[in-house]
Amino acid sequence: MKETKIHELSKKCGGKFKLTVLLQKRLLEINRGQRRSDEYDSRTPLQIAMDEIQQGRIFLEAPKAEGEGASMILPMHETIEEE
């Protein structure tokens, strides 16, 4: 993975920590089957999550109340149901 891409994504997210949190949250969802399979061929879940961040399709929302964690916003996500 190129350092420039990580630097670019961390700037878009507001820092490396926020990038890491967002990637972890999205990877959990992808691994649980929540993604749009029609748009992704054989890329890895990490590549998918990084592309979604780059395209502005997912981002972190600041906590609404003290003590809450940041929540992930997925404006364009669908759940793939297992057969």
Protein backbone atom coordinates (compact mmCIF):
# COMPACT_ATOMS: atom_id res chain seq x y z
CA MET A 1 0.00 0.00 0.00
CA LYS A 2 1.41 3.37 -0.94
CA GLU A 3 2.19 5.81 1.86
CA THR A 4 0.80 8.65 -0.27
CA LYS A 5 -2.63 7.00 -0.43
CA ILE A 6 -2.70 6.51 3.36
CA HIS A 7 -1.61 10.12 3.87
CA GLU A 8 -4.29 11.31 1.44
CA LEU A 9 -7.01 9.27 3.15
CA SER A 10 -5.93 10.35 6.63
CA LYS A 11 -6.16 14.00 5.57
CA LYS A 12 -9.66 13.35 4.22
CA CYS A 13 -10.72 11.70 7.52
CA GLY A 14 -9.07 14.19 9.85
CA GLY A 15 -6.08 12.10 10.90
CA LYS A 16 -4.66 8.60 10.98
CA PHE A 17 -6.58 7.63 14.11
CA LYS A 18 -9.93 8.57 12.55
CA LEU A 19 -8.95 6.76 9.34
CA THR A 20 -8.14 3.64 11.35
CA VAL A 21 -11.47 3.79 13.21
CA LEU A 22 -13.42 4.24 9.98
CA LEU A 23 -11.58 1.41 8.25
CA GLN A 24 -12.17 -0.94 11.19
CA LYS A 25 -15.89 -0.13 11.33
CA ARG A 26 -16.34 -0.58 7.58
CA LEU A 27 -14.28 -3.79 7.44
CA LEU A 28 -16.50 -5.28 10.14
CA GLU A 29 -19.58 -4.50 8.05
CA ILE A 30 -18.06 -5.80 4.84
CA ASN A 31 -16.98 -9.02 6.55
CA ARG A 32 -20.53 -9.43 7.86
CA GLY A 33 -21.86 -9.24 4.30
CA GLN A 34 -22.87 -5.59 3.97
CA ARG A 35 -21.61 -4.30 0.65
CA ARG A 36 -22.78 -3.65 -2.85
CA SER A 37 -21.53 -6.69 -4.72
CA ASP A 38 -22.49 -5.28 -8.12
CA GLU A 39 -19.79 -2.62 -7.84
CA TYR A 40 -16.91 -4.75 -6.58
CA ASP A 41 -15.32 -7.62 -8.40
CA SER A 42 -12.38 -9.33 -6.75
CA ARG A 43 -10.93 -6.55 -4.58
CA THR A 44 -10.16 -7.18 -0.93
CA PRO A 45 -12.40 -5.73 1.79
CA LEU A 46 -9.62 -3.28 2.70
CA GLN A 47 -9.40 -2.05 -0.90
CA ILE A 48 -13.18 -1.62 -0.99
CA ALA A 49 -13.23 0.37 2.27
CA MET A 50 -10.35 2.59 1.17
CA ASP A 51 -12.02 3.27 -2.18
CA GLU A 52 -15.29 4.18 -0.43
CA ILE A 53 -13.43 6.65 1.80
CA GLN A 54 -11.59 8.11 -1.19
CA GLN A 55 -14.88 8.57 -3.07
CA GLY A 56 -16.52 10.21 -0.04
CA ARG A 57 -19.11 7.45 0.24
CA ILE A 58 -18.43 6.81 3.95
CA PHE A 59 -17.25 9.06 6.75
CA LEU A 60 -17.26 9.37 10.54
CA GLU A 61 -19.85 11.49 12.30
CA ALA A 62 -18.82 13.19 15.53
CA PRO A 63 -20.38 11.82 18.74
CA LYS A 64 -23.73 13.42 19.56
CA ALA A 65 -23.37 13.03 23.33
CA GLU A 66 -20.42 12.88 25.66
CA GLY A 67 -19.18 9.33 26.16
CA GLU A 68 -20.51 8.05 22.83
CA GLY A 69 -18.17 6.83 20.15
CA ALA A 70 -18.14 8.21 16.64
CA SER A 71 -20.59 6.60 14.27
CA MET A 72 -19.97 5.67 10.68
CA ILE A 73 -22.18 7.08 7.96
CA LEU A 74 -22.82 4.93 4.91
CA PRO A 75 -24.93 6.98 2.54
CA MET A 76 -24.97 4.33 -0.18
CA HIS A 77 -24.80 0.92 1.42
CA GLU A 78 -27.01 -2.10 1.06
CA THR A 79 -27.06 -5.33 2.96
CA ILE A 80 -26.34 -8.51 1.04
CA GLU A 81 -28.37 -11.31 2.49
CA GLU A 82 -26.78 -14.73 2.68
CA GLU A 83 -28.49 -17.47 0.74
